[in-house]
């Protein structure tokens, strides 16, 4: 399936792009994250298991167990604090 990835804040800066379109066989957000980590390099660094990363599916914050569908938009966010 084809999905659109969006990266925000420090994740976007590390990867060097704000978005990309990818083909994936991942069934869940967790599986997608694992595929991206398997790319190695900066993806492995910023999306590694244990790193605090929030994930949104079609503009709604989601659990990594959420199912992917063709045409989905997935956003990756670092932890954010405000004041």
Protein backbone atom coordinates (compact mmCIF):
# COMPACT_ATOMS: atom_id res chain seq x y z
CA UNK A 1 0.00 0.00 0.00
CA UNK A 2 1.04 3.60 -0.51
CA UNK A 3 1.11 5.94 2.49
CA UNK A 4 2.24 9.50 3.11
CA UNK A 5 4.70 10.13 5.94
CA UNK A 6 5.04 13.47 7.70
CA UNK A 7 7.89 14.32 10.06
CA UNK A 8 7.77 17.19 12.55
CA UNK A 9 10.19 19.32 14.59
CA UNK A 10 13.49 17.62 15.51
CA UNK A 11 12.54 14.45 13.60
CA UNK A 12 12.06 16.48 10.42
CA UNK A 13 15.38 18.25 10.99
CA UNK A 14 17.26 14.97 11.55
CA UNK A 15 15.75 13.17 8.54
CA UNK A 16 16.09 16.22 6.30
CA UNK A 17 12.58 16.27 4.89
CA UNK A 18 9.10 17.05 6.13
CA UNK A 19 7.34 14.37 4.13
CA UNK A 20 7.72 11.41 1.84
CA UNK A 21 5.52 8.87 0.12
CA UNK A 22 6.37 5.20 0.74
CA UNK A 23 5.20 1.77 -0.29
CA UNK A 24 4.78 -0.56 2.68
CA UNK A 25 3.50 -3.98 3.61
CA UNK A 26 3.18 -2.94 7.28
CA UNK A 27 -0.20 -3.69 8.81
CA UNK A 28 0.19 -1.43 11.86
CA UNK A 29 1.91 1.76 12.88
CA UNK A 30 4.36 -0.30 14.97
CA UNK A 31 5.29 -2.42 11.94
CA UNK A 32 5.73 0.74 9.84
CA UNK A 33 8.03 2.24 12.45
CA UNK A 34 10.05 -1.00 12.47
CA UNK A 35 10.37 -0.83 8.66
CA UNK A 36 11.65 2.72 8.89
CA UNK A 37 14.13 1.82 11.64
CA UNK A 38 15.38 -1.04 9.41
CA UNK A 39 16.43 1.59 6.84
CA UNK A 40 19.26 2.36 9.25
CA UNK A 41 21.09 5.64 9.57
CA UNK A 42 19.15 8.61 10.84
CA UNK A 43 15.83 6.70 10.69
CA UNK A 44 17.22 4.15 13.14
CA UNK A 45 18.48 6.94 15.37
CA UNK A 46 15.33 9.06 15.61
CA UNK A 47 12.66 6.32 15.46
CA UNK A 48 14.45 3.60 17.47
CA UNK A 49 12.41 1.52 19.91
CA UNK A 50 12.52 3.18 23.29
CA UNK A 51 12.70 6.69 21.80
CA UNK A 52 9.79 8.88 22.82
CA UNK A 53 7.96 9.42 19.53
CA UNK A 54 4.27 10.23 19.14
CA UNK A 55 2.44 8.93 16.07
CA UNK A 56 -0.66 10.28 14.34
CA UNK A 57 -2.78 8.38 11.83
CA UNK A 58 -4.85 10.54 9.50
CA UNK A 59 -4.30 13.56 11.77
CA UNK A 60 -5.41 11.83 14.99
CA UNK A 61 -2.93 10.80 17.68
CA UNK A 62 -2.87 7.00 17.65
CA UNK A 63 -1.56 3.97 19.44
CA UNK A 64 1.10 2.07 17.48
CA UNK A 65 -1.27 -0.91 17.31
CA UNK A 66 -3.54 1.08 14.96
CA UNK A 67 -4.08 -0.54 11.55
CA UNK A 68 -2.76 1.10 8.40
CA UNK A 69 -4.87 1.50 5.28
CA UNK A 70 -3.88 2.41 1.75
CA UNK A 71 -3.59 6.17 1.33
CA UNK A 72 -3.11 6.85 5.05
CA UNK A 73 -1.16 9.82 6.34
CA UNK A 74 1.19 9.04 9.24
CA UNK A 75 2.86 11.76 11.29
CA UNK A 76 5.85 11.29 13.61
CA UNK A 77 6.33 13.83 16.44
CA UNK A 78 8.98 14.17 19.12
CA UNK A 79 7.72 14.73 22.67
CA UNK A 80 6.54 18.31 23.05
CA UNK A 81 6.16 20.46 26.12
CA UNK A 82 4.61 23.86 26.22
CA UNK A 83 4.01 26.70 28.51
